[in-house]
């Protein structure tokens, strides 16, 4: 069992940046691959980024590639999502998720989810 708590969301103007954090507690964090997803109002939850257990492999959705970066610090049991050059269409609740399997891009591939943190980008 692992518990996930996101933080770092907020209101930002277009072009701005936010650093989202996801703190994990419970069993060894380094045993889990991690992902970030987001859900905008009226839309389905979508994949944003994933990272392997060691942090050596990352993958981002095309919609955020070049603007967002995913990283992790296993010593701090935390995964990060650095969001730059934010656009109004990035407005959503951002969720982190953990899997004991391989990091994938599908919602069903993750076992544990946080409560989410709201990101609002104004134009």
PDB file of N, CA and C in Angstrom:
ATOM      1  N   UNK A   1       0.847  -1.189   0.000  1.00  0.00           N
ATOM      2  CA  UNK A   1       0.000   0.000   0.000  1.00  0.00           C
ATOM      3  C   UNK A   1       0.888   1.247   0.000  1.00  0.00           C
ATOM      4  N   UNK A   2       0.502   2.230  -0.788  1.00  0.00           N
ATOM      5  CA  UNK A   2       1.220   3.500  -0.801  1.00  0.00           C
ATOM      6  C   UNK A   2       0.191   4.618  -0.856  1.00  0.00           C
ATOM      7  N   UNK A   3       0.434   5.671  -0.114  1.00  0.00           N
ATOM      8  CA  UNK A   3      -0.432   6.839  -0.111  1.00  0.00           C
ATOM      9  C   UNK A   3       0.270   7.977  -0.849  1.00  0.00           C
ATOM     10  N   UNK A   4      -0.501   8.682  -1.659  1.00  0.00           N
ATOM     11  CA  UNK A   4       0.054   9.742  -2.496  1.00  0.00           C
ATOM     12  C   UNK A   4      -0.650  11.066  -2.203  1.00  0.00           C
ATOM     13  N   UNK A   5       0.130  12.127  -2.037  1.00  0.00           N
ATOM     14  CA  UNK A   5      -0.435  13.450  -1.777  1.00  0.00           C
ATOM     15  C   UNK A   5       0.226  14.460  -2.711  1.00  0.00           C
ATOM     16  N   UNK A   6      -0.594  15.068  -3.571  1.00  0.00           N
ATOM     17  CA  UNK A   6      -0.088  16.068  -4.503  1.00  0.00           C
ATOM     18  C   UNK A   6      -0.140  17.458  -3.882  1.00  0.00           C
ATOM     19  N   UNK A   7       0.748  18.323  -4.358  1.00  0.00           N
ATOM     20  CA  UNK A   7       0.750  19.716  -3.937  1.00  0.00           C
ATOM     21  C   UNK A   7       1.403  20.552  -5.034  1.00  0.00           C
ATOM     22  N   UNK A   8       1.283  21.868  -4.895  1.00  0.00           N
ATOM     23  CA  UNK A   8       1.961  22.764  -5.825  1.00  0.00           C
ATOM     24  C   UNK A   8       1.075  23.387  -6.878  1.00  0.00           C
ATOM     25  N   UNK A   9      -0.193  22.984  -6.932  1.00  0.00           N
ATOM     26  CA  UNK A   9      -1.089  23.584  -7.901  1.00  0.00           C
ATOM     27  C   UNK A   9      -1.433  25.017  -7.528  1.00  0.00           C
ATOM     28  N   UNK A  10      -2.137  25.688  -8.434  1.00  0.00           N
ATOM     29  CA  UNK A  10      -2.544  27.061  -8.169  1.00  0.00           C
ATOM     30  C   UNK A  10      -3.006  27.755  -9.419  1.00  0.00           C
ATOM     31  N   UNK A  11      -3.159  29.072  -9.301  1.00  0.00           N
ATOM     32  CA  UNK A  11      -3.580  29.912 -10.408  1.00  0.00           C
ATOM     33  C   UNK A  11      -2.357  30.618 -10.975  1.00  0.00           C
ATOM     34  N   UNK A  12      -2.173  30.535 -12.287  1.00  0.00           N
ATOM     35  CA  UNK A  12      -1.007  31.128 -12.930  1.00  0.00           C
ATOM     36  C   UNK A  12      -1.428  31.707 -14.274  1.00  0.00           C
ATOM     37  N   UNK A  13      -0.748  32.751 -14.694  1.00  0.00           N
ATOM     38  CA  UNK A  13      -1.024  33.329 -15.999  1.00  0.00           C
ATOM     39  C   UNK A  13      -0.400  32.479 -17.103  1.00  0.00           C
ATOM     40  N   UNK A  14      -0.956  32.571 -18.277  1.00  0.00           N
ATOM     41  CA  UNK A  14      -0.399  31.872 -19.436  1.00  0.00           C
ATOM     42  C   UNK A  14       1.070  32.251 -19.602  1.00  0.00           C
ATOM     43  N   UNK A  15       1.887  31.247 -19.884  1.00  0.00           N
ATOM     44  CA  UNK A  15       3.320  31.443 -19.991  1.00  0.00           C
ATOM     45  C   UNK A  15       4.075  31.204 -18.699  1.00  0.00           C
ATOM     46  N   UNK A  16       3.342  31.077 -17.618  1.00  0.00           N
ATOM     47  CA  UNK A  16       3.961  30.868 -16.316  1.00  0.00           C
ATOM     48  C   UNK A  16       4.336  29.424 -16.065  1.00  0.00           C
ATOM     49  N   UNK A  17       4.820  29.170 -14.836  1.00  0.00           N
ATOM     50  CA  UNK A  17       5.308  27.846 -14.462  1.00  0.00           C
ATOM     51  C   UNK A  17       4.789  27.461 -13.086  1.00  0.00           C
ATOM     52  N   UNK A  18       4.672  26.184 -12.885  1.00  0.00           N
ATOM     53  CA  UNK A  18       4.366  25.603 -11.575  1.00  0.00           C
ATOM     54  C   UNK A  18       5.169  24.321 -11.421  1.00  0.00           C
ATOM     55  N   UNK A  19       5.546  24.018 -10.202  1.00  0.00           N
ATOM     56  CA  UNK A  19       6.194  22.742  -9.916  1.00  0.00           C
ATOM     57  C   UNK A  19       5.262  21.932  -9.033  1.00  0.00           C
ATOM     58  N   UNK A  20       4.738  20.868  -9.578  1.00  0.00           N
ATOM     59  CA  UNK A  20       3.858  19.985  -8.826  1.00  0.00           C
ATOM     60  C   UNK A  20       4.700  18.915  -8.137  1.00  0.00           C
ATOM     61  N   UNK A  21       4.311  18.582  -6.921  1.00  0.00           N
ATOM     62  CA  UNK A  21       4.984  17.538  -6.161  1.00  0.00           C
ATOM     63  C   UNK A  21       3.986  16.470  -5.772  1.00  0.00           C
ATOM     64  N   UNK A  22       4.469  15.270  -5.630  1.00  0.00           N
ATOM     65  CA  UNK A  22       3.659  14.154  -5.164  1.00  0.00           C
ATOM     66  C   UNK A  22       4.485  13.389  -4.144  1.00  0.00           C
ATOM     67  N   UNK A  23       4.074  13.494  -2.889  1.00  0.00           N
ATOM     68  CA  UNK A  23       4.777  12.826  -1.807  1.00  0.00           C
ATOM     69  C   UNK A  23       4.141  11.481  -1.533  1.00  0.00           C
ATOM     70  N   UNK A  24       4.966  10.459  -1.417  1.00  0.00           N
ATOM     71  CA  UNK A  24       4.485   9.100  -1.193  1.00  0.00           C
ATOM     72  C   UNK A  24       4.864   8.622   0.198  1.00  0.00           C
ATOM     73  N   UNK A  25       3.975   7.886   0.799  1.00  0.00           N
ATOM     74  CA  UNK A  25       4.268   7.252   2.089  1.00  0.00           C
ATOM     75  C   UNK A  25       3.818   5.805   2.008  1.00  0.00           C
ATOM     76  N   UNK A  26       4.354   5.007   2.884  1.00  0.00           N
ATOM     77  CA  UNK A  26       4.020   3.589   2.874  1.00  0.00           C
ATOM     78  C   UNK A  26       5.223   2.779   2.457  1.00  0.00           C
ATOM     79  N   UNK A  27       4.992   1.792   1.627  1.00  0.00           N
ATOM     80  CA  UNK A  27       6.069   0.893   1.233  1.00  0.00           C
ATOM     81  C   UNK A  27       7.085   1.605   0.351  1.00  0.00           C
ATOM     82  N   UNK A  28       8.226   0.997   0.166  1.00  0.00           N
ATOM     83  CA  UNK A  28       9.381   1.585  -0.501  1.00  0.00           C
ATOM     84  C   UNK A  28       9.002   2.256  -1.811  1.00  0.00           C
ATOM     85  N   UNK A  29       9.227   3.559  -1.837  1.00  0.00           N
ATOM     86  CA  UNK A  29       8.850   4.369  -2.992  1.00  0.00           C
ATOM     87  C   UNK A  29       9.578   3.925  -4.256  1.00  0.00           C
ATOM     88  N   UNK A  30      10.812   3.504  -4.114  1.00  0.00           N
ATOM     89  CA  UNK A  30      11.612   3.143  -5.284  1.00  0.00           C
ATOM     90  C   UNK A  30      11.126   1.860  -5.952  1.00  0.00           C
ATOM     91  N   UNK A  31      10.180   1.168  -5.330  1.00  0.00           N
ATOM     92  CA  UNK A  31       9.596  -0.029  -5.938  1.00  0.00           C
ATOM     93  C   UNK A  31       8.469   0.288  -6.915  1.00  0.00           C
ATOM     94  N   UNK A  32       8.139   1.596  -7.016  1.00  0.00           N
ATOM     95  CA  UNK A  32       6.994   1.993  -7.826  1.00  0.00           C
ATOM     96  C   UNK A  32       7.407   2.900  -8.980  1.00  0.00           C
ATOM     97  N   UNK A  33       6.918   2.572 -10.152  1.00  0.00           N
ATOM     98  CA  UNK A  33       6.959   3.525 -11.256  1.00  0.00           C
ATOM     99  C   UNK A  33       5.821   4.510 -11.061  1.00  0.00           C
ATOM    100  N   UNK A  34       6.009   5.722 -11.550  1.00  0.00           N
ATOM    101  CA  UNK A  34       5.057   6.796 -11.263  1.00  0.00           C
ATOM    102  C   UNK A  34       4.551   7.453 -12.533  1.00  0.00           C
ATOM    103  N   UNK A  35       3.365   7.994 -12.427  1.00  0.00           N
ATOM    104  CA  UNK A  35       2.798   8.716 -13.559  1.00  0.00           C
ATOM    105  C   UNK A  35       2.046   9.951 -13.102  1.00  0.00           C
ATOM    106  N   UNK A  36       1.894  10.886 -14.019  1.00  0.00           N
ATOM    107  CA  UNK A  36       1.045  12.054 -13.811  1.00  0.00           C
ATOM    108  C   UNK A  36      -0.067  12.021 -14.869  1.00  0.00           C
ATOM    109  N   UNK A  37      -1.267  12.305 -14.426  1.00  0.00           N
ATOM    110  CA  UNK A  37      -2.424  12.405 -15.302  1.00  0.00           C
ATOM    111  C   UNK A  37      -3.124  13.718 -14.987  1.00  0.00           C
ATOM    112  N   UNK A  38      -4.057  14.113 -15.860  1.00  0.00           N
ATOM    113  CA  UNK A  38      -4.840  15.320 -15.586  1.00  0.00           C
ATOM    114  C   UNK A  38      -6.253  15.141 -16.119  1.00  0.00           C
ATOM    115  N   UNK A  39      -7.166  15.882 -15.498  1.00  0.00           N
ATOM    116  CA  UNK A  39      -8.563  15.831 -15.911  1.00  0.00           C
ATOM    117  C   UNK A  39      -9.133  17.233 -15.920  1.00  0.00           C
ATOM    118  N   UNK A  40      -9.512  17.682 -17.100  1.00  0.00           N
ATOM    119  CA  UNK A  40     -10.139  18.990 -17.254  1.00  0.00           C
ATOM    120  C   UNK A  40     -11.640  18.851 -17.089  1.00  0.00           C
ATOM    121  N   UNK A  41     -12.330  19.930 -16.743  1.00  0.00           N
ATOM    122  CA  UNK A  41     -13.782  19.863 -16.569  1.00  0.00           C
ATOM    123  C   UNK A  41     -14.473  19.321 -17.808  1.00  0.00           C
ATOM    124  N   UNK A  42     -15.329  18.328 -17.607  1.00  0.00           N
ATOM    125  CA  UNK A  42     -16.088  17.761 -18.708  1.00  0.00           C
ATOM    126  C   UNK A  42     -15.304  16.842 -19.624  1.00  0.00           C
ATOM    127  N   UNK A  43     -14.063  16.573 -19.275  1.00  0.00           N
ATOM    128  CA  UNK A  43     -13.231  15.713 -20.122  1.00  0.00           C
ATOM    129  C   UNK A  43     -12.755  14.497 -19.346  1.00  0.00           C
ATOM    130  N   UNK A  44     -12.294  13.509 -20.081  1.00  0.00           N
ATOM    131  CA  UNK A  44     -11.772  12.310 -19.451  1.00  0.00           C
ATOM    132  C   UNK A  44     -10.353  12.555 -18.919  1.00  0.00           C
ATOM    133  N   UNK A  45      -9.975  11.764 -17.948  1.00  0.00           N
ATOM    134  CA  UNK A  45      -8.625  11.843 -17.419  1.00  0.00           C
ATOM    135  C   UNK A  45      -7.646  11.395 -18.499  1.00  0.00           C
ATOM    136  N   UNK A  46      -6.542  12.123 -18.618  1.00  0.00           N
ATOM    137  CA  UNK A  46      -5.581  11.811 -19.672  1.00  0.00           C
ATOM    138  C   UNK A  46      -4.163  11.737 -19.124  1.00  0.00           C
ATOM    139  N   UNK A  47      -3.367  10.945 -19.788  1.00  0.00           N
ATOM    140  CA  UNK A  47      -1.973  10.763 -19.427  1.00  0.00           C
ATOM    141  C   UNK A  47      -1.178  12.025 -19.704  1.00  0.00           C
ATOM    142  N   UNK A  48      -0.234  12.344 -18.801  1.00  0.00           N
ATOM    143  CA  UNK A  48       0.652  13.479 -18.977  1.00  0.00           C
ATOM    144  C   UNK A  48       2.115  13.037 -19.057  1.00  0.00           C
ATOM    145  N   UNK A  49       2.553  12.238 -18.074  1.00  0.00           N
ATOM    146  CA  UNK A  49       3.968  11.866 -18.021  1.00  0.00           C
ATOM    147  C   UNK A  49       4.140  10.623 -17.157  1.00  0.00           C
ATOM    148  N   UNK A  50       5.211   9.890 -17.387  1.00  0.00           N
ATOM    149  CA  UNK A  50       5.537   8.733 -16.553  1.00  0.00           C
ATOM    150  C   UNK A  50       7.040   8.663 -16.358  1.00  0.00           C
ATOM    151  N   UNK A  51       7.421   7.967 -15.289  1.00  0.00           N
ATOM    152  CA  UNK A  51       8.843   7.833 -14.973  1.00  0.00           C
ATOM    153  C   UNK A  51       9.071   6.465 -14.360  1.00  0.00           C
ATOM    154  N   UNK A  52      10.196   5.869 -14.686  1.00  0.00           N
ATOM    155  CA  UNK A  52      10.527   4.536 -14.187  1.00  0.00           C
ATOM    156  C   UNK A  52      10.941   4.587 -12.723  1.00  0.00           C
ATOM    157  N   UNK A  53      11.135   3.430 -12.138  1.00  0.00           N
ATOM    158  CA  UNK A  53      11.474   3.341 -10.714  1.00  0.00           C
ATOM    159  C   UNK A  53      12.770   4.091 -10.370  1.00  0.00           C
ATOM    160  N   UNK A  54      13.733   3.971 -11.235  1.00  0.00           N
ATOM    161  CA  UNK A  54      15.026   4.614 -10.965  1.00  0.00           C
ATOM    162  C   UNK A  54      15.060   6.072 -11.404  1.00  0.00           C
ATOM    163  N   UNK A  55      14.101   6.439 -12.254  1.00  0.00           N
ATOM    164  CA  UNK A  55      14.110   7.777 -12.828  1.00  0.00           C
ATOM    165  C   UNK A  55      14.890   7.857 -14.131  1.00  0.00           C
ATOM    166  N   UNK A  56      15.435   6.739 -14.563  1.00  0.00           N
ATOM    167  CA  UNK A  56      16.261   6.744 -15.754  1.00  0.00           C
ATOM    168  C   UNK A  56      15.491   6.781 -17.058  1.00  0.00           C
ATOM    169  N   UNK A  57      14.209   6.493 -16.991  1.00  0.00           N
ATOM    170  CA  UNK A  57      13.376   6.498 -18.192  1.00  0.00           C
ATOM    171  C   UNK A  57      12.144   7.348 -17.953  1.00  0.00           C
ATOM    172  N   UNK A  58      11.912   8.285 -18.856  1.00  0.00           N
ATOM    173  CA  UNK A  58      10.729   9.143 -18.757  1.00  0.00           C
ATOM    174  C   UNK A  58      10.038   9.206 -20.117  1.00  0.00           C
ATOM    175  N   UNK A  59       8.760   9.576 -20.072  1.00  0.00           N
ATOM    176  CA  UNK A  59       7.989   9.726 -21.312  1.00  0.00           C
ATOM    177  C   UNK A  59       6.893  10.735 -21.053  1.00  0.00           C
ATOM    178  N   UNK A  60       6.708  11.641 -21.996  1.00  0.00           N
ATOM    179  CA  UNK A  60       5.683  12.674 -21.851  1.00  0.00           C
ATOM    180  C   UNK A  60       4.715  12.646 -23.026  1.00  0.00           C
ATOM    181  N   UNK A  61       3.503  13.037 -22.768  1.00  0.00           N
ATOM    182  CA  UNK A  61       2.502  13.163 -23.814  1.00  0.00           C
ATOM    183  C   UNK A  61       2.928  14.242 -24.806  1.00  0.00           C
ATOM    184  N   UNK A  62       2.521  14.079 -26.043  1.00  0.00           N
ATOM    185  CA  UNK A  62       2.909  15.044 -27.078  1.00  0.00           C
ATOM    186  C   UNK A  62       2.436  16.462 -26.735  1.00  0.00           C
ATOM    187  N   UNK A  63       1.290  16.549 -26.072  1.00  0.00           N
ATOM    188  CA  UNK A  63       0.718  17.854 -25.770  1.00  0.00           C
ATOM    189  C   UNK A  63       1.558  18.665 -24.780  1.00  0.00           C
ATOM    190  N   UNK A  64       2.442  18.007 -24.034  1.00  0.00           N
ATOM    191  CA  UNK A  64       3.248  18.714 -23.033  1.00  0.00           C
ATOM    192  C   UNK A  64       4.738  18.579 -23.289  1.00  0.00           C
ATOM    193  N   UNK A  65       5.122  17.803 -24.272  1.00  0.00           N
ATOM    194  CA  UNK A  65       6.535  17.583 -24.566  1.00  0.00           C
ATOM    195  C   UNK A  65       7.210  18.909 -24.894  1.00  0.00           C
ATOM    196  N   UNK A  66       8.375  19.113 -24.284  1.00  0.00           N
ATOM    197  CA  UNK A  66       9.092  20.363 -24.487  1.00  0.00           C
ATOM    198  C   UNK A  66       8.718  21.449 -23.495  1.00  0.00           C
ATOM    199  N   UNK A  67       7.617  21.252 -22.766  1.00  0.00           N
ATOM    200  CA  UNK A  67       7.171  22.236 -21.770  1.00  0.00           C
ATOM    201  C   UNK A  67       7.177  21.665 -20.354  1.00  0.00           C
ATOM    202  N   UNK A  68       6.892  20.393 -20.205  1.00  0.00           N
ATOM    203  CA  UNK A  68       6.828  19.750 -18.896  1.00  0.00           C
ATOM    204  C   UNK A  68       8.005  18.791 -18.745  1.00  0.00           C
ATOM    205  N   UNK A  69       8.397  18.582 -17.491  1.00  0.00           N
ATOM    206  CA  UNK A  69       9.443  17.622 -17.167  1.00  0.00           C
ATOM    207  C   UNK A  69       9.017  16.822 -15.941  1.00  0.00           C
ATOM    208  N   UNK A  70       9.207  15.517 -15.990  1.00  0.00           N
ATOM    209  CA  UNK A  70       8.924  14.670 -14.835  1.00  0.00           C
ATOM    210  C   UNK A  70      10.249  14.208 -14.242  1.00  0.00           C
ATOM    211  N   UNK A  71      10.315  14.193 -12.922  1.00  0.00           N
ATOM    212  CA  UNK A  71      11.522  13.724 -12.240  1.00  0.00           C
ATOM    213  C   UNK A  71      11.122  13.128 -10.903  1.00  0.00           C
ATOM    214  N   UNK A  72      12.056  12.485 -10.231  1.00  0.00           N
ATOM    215  CA  UNK A  72      11.762  11.907  -8.924  1.00  0.00           C
ATOM    216  C   UNK A  72      13.004  11.946  -8.060  1.00  0.00           C
ATOM    217  N   UNK A  73      12.767  11.971  -6.762  1.00  0.00           N
ATOM    218  CA  UNK A  73      13.833  11.895  -5.771  1.00  0.00           C
ATOM    219  C   UNK A  73      13.463  10.764  -4.828  1.00  0.00           C
ATOM    220  N   UNK A  74      14.061   9.624  -5.014  1.00  0.00           N
ATOM    221  CA  UNK A  74      13.701   8.459  -4.215  1.00  0.00           C
ATOM    222  C   UNK A  74      14.102   8.618  -2.747  1.00  0.00           C
ATOM    223  N   UNK A  75      15.095   9.429  -2.476  1.00  0.00           N
ATOM    224  CA  UNK A  75      15.486   9.682  -1.091  1.00  0.00           C
ATOM    225  C   UNK A  75      14.419  10.484  -0.352  1.00  0.00           C
ATOM    226  N   UNK A  76      13.650  11.275  -1.110  1.00  0.00           N
ATOM    227  CA  UNK A  76      12.592  12.098  -0.517  1.00  0.00           C
ATOM    228  C   UNK A  76      11.206  11.529  -0.762  1.00  0.00           C
ATOM    229  N   UNK A  77      11.133  10.364  -1.391  1.00  0.00           N
ATOM    230  CA  UNK A  77       9.837   9.726  -1.684  1.00  0.00           C
ATOM    231  C   UNK A  77       8.903  10.666  -2.433  1.00  0.00           C
ATOM    232  N   UNK A  78       9.447  11.378  -3.395  1.00  0.00           N
ATOM    233  CA  UNK A  78       8.672  12.400  -4.086  1.00  0.00           C
ATOM    234  C   UNK A  78       8.911  12.341  -5.593  1.00  0.00           C
ATOM    235  N   UNK A  79       7.830  12.547  -6.333  1.00  0.00           N
ATOM    236  CA  UNK A  79       7.913  12.707  -7.777  1.00  0.00           C
ATOM    237  C   UNK A  79       7.431  14.115  -8.110  1.00  0.00           C
ATOM    238  N   UNK A  80       8.052  14.704  -9.125  1.00  0.00           N
ATOM    239  CA  UNK A  80       7.770  16.090  -9.484  1.00  0.00           C
ATOM    240  C   UNK A  80       7.279  16.190 -10.926  1.00  0.00           C
ATOM    241  N   UNK A  81       6.497  17.218 -11.175  1.00  0.00           N
ATOM    242  CA  UNK A  81       6.139  17.589 -12.536  1.00  0.00           C
ATOM    243  C   UNK A  81       6.387  19.093 -12.675  1.00  0.00           C
ATOM    244  N   UNK A  82       7.438  19.426 -13.388  1.00  0.00           N
ATOM    245  CA  UNK A  82       7.742  20.825 -13.657  1.00  0.00           C
ATOM    246  C   UNK A  82       6.970  21.229 -14.899  1.00  0.00           C
ATOM    247  N   UNK A  83       6.115  22.233 -14.745  1.00  0.00           N
ATOM    248  CA  UNK A  83       5.283  22.676 -15.856  1.00  0.00           C
ATOM    249  C   UNK A  83       5.687  24.095 -16.240  1.00  0.00           C
ATOM    250  N   UNK A  84       6.133  24.267 -17.468  1.00  0.00           N
ATOM    251  CA  UNK A  84       6.571  25.569 -17.984  1.00  0.00           C
ATOM    252  C   UNK A  84       5.722  25.968 -19.187  1.00  0.00           C
ATOM    253  N   UNK A  85       5.774  27.245 -19.520  1.00  0.00           N
ATOM    254  CA  UNK A  85       5.040  27.761 -20.686  1.00  0.00           C
ATOM    255  C   UNK A  85       3.594  27.299 -20.670  1.00  0.00           C
ATOM    256  N   UNK A  86       2.961  27.447 -19.523  1.00  0.00           N
ATOM    257  CA  UNK A  86       1.596  26.950 -19.353  1.00  0.00           C
ATOM    258  C   UNK A  86       0.610  27.661 -20.260  1.00  0.00           C
ATOM    259  N   UNK A  87      -0.371  26.912 -20.703  1.00  0.00           N
ATOM    260  CA  UNK A  87      -1.418  27.407 -21.591  1.00  0.00           C
ATOM    261  C   UNK A  87      -2.771  27.232 -20.899  1.00  0.00           C
ATOM    262  N   UNK A  88      -3.766  28.015 -21.294  1.00  0.00           N
ATOM    263  CA  UNK A  88      -5.095  27.828 -20.691  1.00  0.00           C
ATOM    264  C   UNK A  88      -5.611  26.398 -20.833  1.00  0.00           C
ATOM    265  N   UNK A  89      -5.248  25.732 -21.900  1.00  0.00           N
ATOM    266  CA  UNK A  89      -5.702  24.348 -22.088  1.00  0.00           C
ATOM    267  C   UNK A  89      -5.028  23.352 -21.157  1.00  0.00           C
ATOM    268  N   UNK A  90      -4.037  23.798 -20.404  1.00  0.00           N
ATOM    269  CA  UNK A  90      -3.431  22.954 -19.371  1.00  0.00           C
ATOM    270  C   UNK A  90      -4.241  22.960 -18.072  1.00  0.00           C
ATOM    271  N   UNK A  91      -5.259  23.790 -18.001  1.00  0.00           N
ATOM    272  CA  UNK A  91      -6.103  23.860 -16.808  1.00  0.00           C
ATOM    273  C   UNK A  91      -6.777  22.516 -16.554  1.00  0.00           C
ATOM    274  N   UNK A  92      -6.557  21.985 -15.370  1.00  0.00           N
ATOM    275  CA  UNK A  92      -7.081  20.659 -15.019  1.00  0.00           C
ATOM    276  C   UNK A  92      -6.718  20.348 -13.574  1.00  0.00           C
ATOM    277  N   UNK A  93      -7.305  19.273 -13.074  1.00  0.00           N
ATOM    278  CA  UNK A  93      -6.826  18.675 -11.825  1.00  0.00           C
ATOM    279  C   UNK A  93      -5.748  17.672 -12.217  1.00  0.00           C
ATOM    280  N   UNK A  94      -4.596  17.798 -11.577  1.00  0.00           N
ATOM    281  CA  UNK A  94      -3.467  16.933 -11.881  1.00  0.00           C
ATOM    282  C   UNK A  94      -3.334  15.871 -10.786  1.00  0.00           C
ATOM    283  N   UNK A  95      -3.223  14.628 -11.222  1.00  0.00           N
ATOM    284  CA  UNK A  95      -3.133  13.486 -10.319  1.00  0.00           C
ATOM    285  C   UNK A  95      -1.809  12.759 -10.514  1.00  0.00           C
ATOM    286  N   UNK A  96      -1.226  12.309  -9.425  1.00  0.00           N
ATOM    287  CA  UNK A  96      -0.114  11.378  -9.558  1.00  0.00           C
ATOM    288  C   UNK A  96      -0.622   9.976  -9.239  1.00  0.00           C
ATOM    289  N   UNK A  97       0.092   8.994  -9.780  1.00  0.00           N
ATOM    290  CA  UNK A  97      -0.312   7.610  -9.633  1.00  0.00           C
ATOM    291  C   UNK A  97       0.927   6.736  -9.533  1.00  0.00           C
ATOM    292  N   UNK A  98       0.775   5.595  -8.885  1.00  0.00           N
ATOM    293  CA  UNK A  98       1.882   4.670  -8.682  1.00  0.00           C
ATOM    294  C   UNK A  98       1.498   3.285  -9.162  1.00  0.00           C
ATOM    295  N   UNK A  99       2.488   2.589  -9.702  1.00  0.00           N
ATOM    296  CA  UNK A  99       2.282   1.210 -10.119  1.00  0.00           C
ATOM    297  C   UNK A  99       3.477   0.363  -9.714  1.00  0.00           C
ATOM    298  N   UNK A 100       3.192  -0.861  -9.288  1.00  0.00           N
ATOM    299  CA  UNK A 100       4.263  -1.806  -8.978  1.00  0.00           C
ATOM    300  C   UNK A 100       4.744  -2.509 -10.245  1.00  0.00           C
ATOM    301  N   UNK A 101       4.073  -2.222 -11.346  1.00  0.00           N
ATOM    302  CA  UNK A 101       4.471  -2.787 -12.625  1.00  0.00           C
ATOM    303  C   UNK A 101       5.323  -1.812 -13.411  1.00  0.00           C
ATOM    304  N   UNK A 102       5.272  -1.942 -14.705  1.00  0.00           N
ATOM    305  CA  UNK A 102       6.028  -1.060 -15.591  1.00  0.00           C
ATOM    306  C   UNK A 102       5.259   0.242 -15.779  1.00  0.00           C
ATOM    307  N   UNK A 103       5.979   1.343 -15.836  1.00  0.00           N
ATOM    308  CA  UNK A 103       5.322   2.636 -16.051  1.00  0.00           C
ATOM    309  C   UNK A 103       4.694   2.653 -17.436  1.00  0.00           C
ATOM    310  N   UNK A 104       3.391   2.939 -17.465  1.00  0.00           N
ATOM    311  CA  UNK A 104       2.647   2.942 -18.717  1.00  0.00           C
ATOM    312  C   UNK A 104       1.873   4.247 -18.847  1.00  0.00           C
ATOM    313  N   UNK A 105       1.131   4.371 -19.960  1.00  0.00           N
ATOM    314  CA  UNK A 105       0.381   5.600 -20.206  1.00  0.00           C
ATOM    315  C   UNK A 105      -1.111   5.442 -19.956  1.00  0.00           C
ATOM    316  N   UNK A 106      -1.538   4.270 -19.530  1.00  0.00           N
ATOM    317  CA  UNK A 106      -2.963   4.012 -19.342  1.00  0.00           C
ATOM    318  C   UNK A 106      -3.367   4.102 -17.876  1.00  0.00           C
ATOM    319  N   UNK A 107      -4.562   4.609 -17.636  1.00  0.00           N
ATOM    320  CA  UNK A 107      -5.078   4.747 -16.279  1.00  0.00           C
ATOM    321  C   UNK A 107      -5.133   3.399 -15.580  1.00  0.00           C
ATOM    322  N   UNK A 108      -5.560   2.373 -16.289  1.00  0.00           N
ATOM    323  CA  UNK A 108      -5.728   1.058 -15.690  1.00  0.00           C
ATOM    324  C   UNK A 108      -4.409   0.434 -15.263  1.00  0.00           C
ATOM    325  N   UNK A 109      -3.304   0.986 -15.716  1.00  0.00           N
ATOM    326  CA  UNK A 109      -2.001   0.435 -15.356  1.00  0.00           C
ATOM    327  C   UNK A 109      -1.485   0.858 -14.003  1.00  0.00           C
ATOM    328  N   UNK A 110      -2.217   1.703 -13.312  1.00  0.00           N
ATOM    329  CA  UNK A 110      -1.770   2.234 -12.031  1.00  0.00           C
ATOM    330  C   UNK A 110      -2.648   1.736 -10.892  1.00  0.00           C
ATOM    331  N   UNK A 111      -1.991   1.452  -9.761  1.00  0.00           N
ATOM    332  CA  UNK A 111      -2.670   0.842  -8.628  1.00  0.00           C
ATOM    333  C   UNK A 111      -3.129   1.865  -7.587  1.00  0.00           C
ATOM    334  N   UNK A 112      -2.396   2.953  -7.466  1.00  0.00           N
ATOM    335  CA  UNK A 112      -2.665   3.923  -6.404  1.00  0.00           C
ATOM    336  C   UNK A 112      -2.723   5.322  -7.007  1.00  0.00           C
ATOM    337  N   UNK A 113      -3.620   6.138  -6.428  1.00  0.00           N
ATOM    338  CA  UNK A 113      -3.844   7.483  -6.937  1.00  0.00           C
ATOM    339  C   UNK A 113      -3.900   8.477  -5.783  1.00  0.00           C
ATOM    340  N   UNK A 114      -3.444   9.692  -6.059  1.00  0.00           N
ATOM    341  CA  UNK A 114      -3.619  10.766  -5.106  1.00  0.00           C
ATOM    342  C   UNK A 114      -4.956  11.448  -5.310  1.00  0.00           C
ATOM    343  N   UNK A 115      -5.210  12.498  -4.508  1.00  0.00           N
ATOM    344  CA  UNK A 115      -6.470  13.215  -4.560  1.00  0.00           C
ATOM    345  C   UNK A 115      -6.484  14.303  -5.623  1.00  0.00           C
ATOM    346  N   UNK A 116      -5.313  14.677  -6.084  1.00  0.00           N
ATOM    347  CA  UNK A 116      -5.236  15.675  -7.142  1.00  0.00           C
ATOM    348  C   UNK A 116      -4.936  17.068  -6.632  1.00  0.00           C
ATOM    349  N   UNK A 117      -4.380  17.883  -7.514  1.00  0.00           N
ATOM    350  CA  UNK A 117      -4.118  19.290  -7.220  1.00  0.00           C
ATOM    351  C   UNK A 117      -4.563  20.117  -8.435  1.00  0.00           C
ATOM    352  N   UNK A 118      -5.272  21.203  -8.166  1.00  0.00           N
ATOM    353  CA  UNK A 118      -5.851  22.011  -9.237  1.00  0.00           C
ATOM    354  C   UNK A 118      -4.816  22.960  -9.829  1.00  0.00           C
ATOM    355  N   UNK A 119      -4.741  22.951 -11.146  1.00  0.00           N
ATOM    356  CA  UNK A 119      -3.926  23.921 -11.887  1.00  0.00           C
ATOM    357  C   UNK A 119      -4.858  24.727 -12.780  1.00  0.00           C
ATOM    358  N   UNK A 120      -4.846  26.030 -12.615  1.00  0.00           N
ATOM    359  CA  UNK A 120      -5.674  26.910 -13.421  1.00  0.00           C
ATOM    360  C   UNK A 120      -4.781  27.924 -14.126  1.00  0.00           C
ATOM    361  N   UNK A 121      -4.880  27.975 -15.439  1.00  0.00           N
ATOM    362  CA  UNK A 121      -4.049  28.881 -16.232  1.00  0.00           C
ATOM    363  C   UNK A 121      -4.960  29.925 -16.864  1.00  0.00           C
ATOM    364  N   UNK A 122      -4.735  31.170 -16.533  1.00  0.00           N
ATOM    365  CA  UNK A 122      -5.556  32.261 -17.079  1.00  0.00           C
ATOM    366  C   UNK A 122      -4.904  32.842 -18.331  1.00  0.00           C
ATOM    367  N   UNK A 123      -5.747  33.297 -19.228  1.00  0.00           N
ATOM    368  CA  UNK A 123      -5.237  33.837 -20.498  1.00  0.00           C
ATOM    369  C   UNK A 123      -4.968  35.325 -20.403  1.00  0.00           C
TER     370      UNK A 123
END
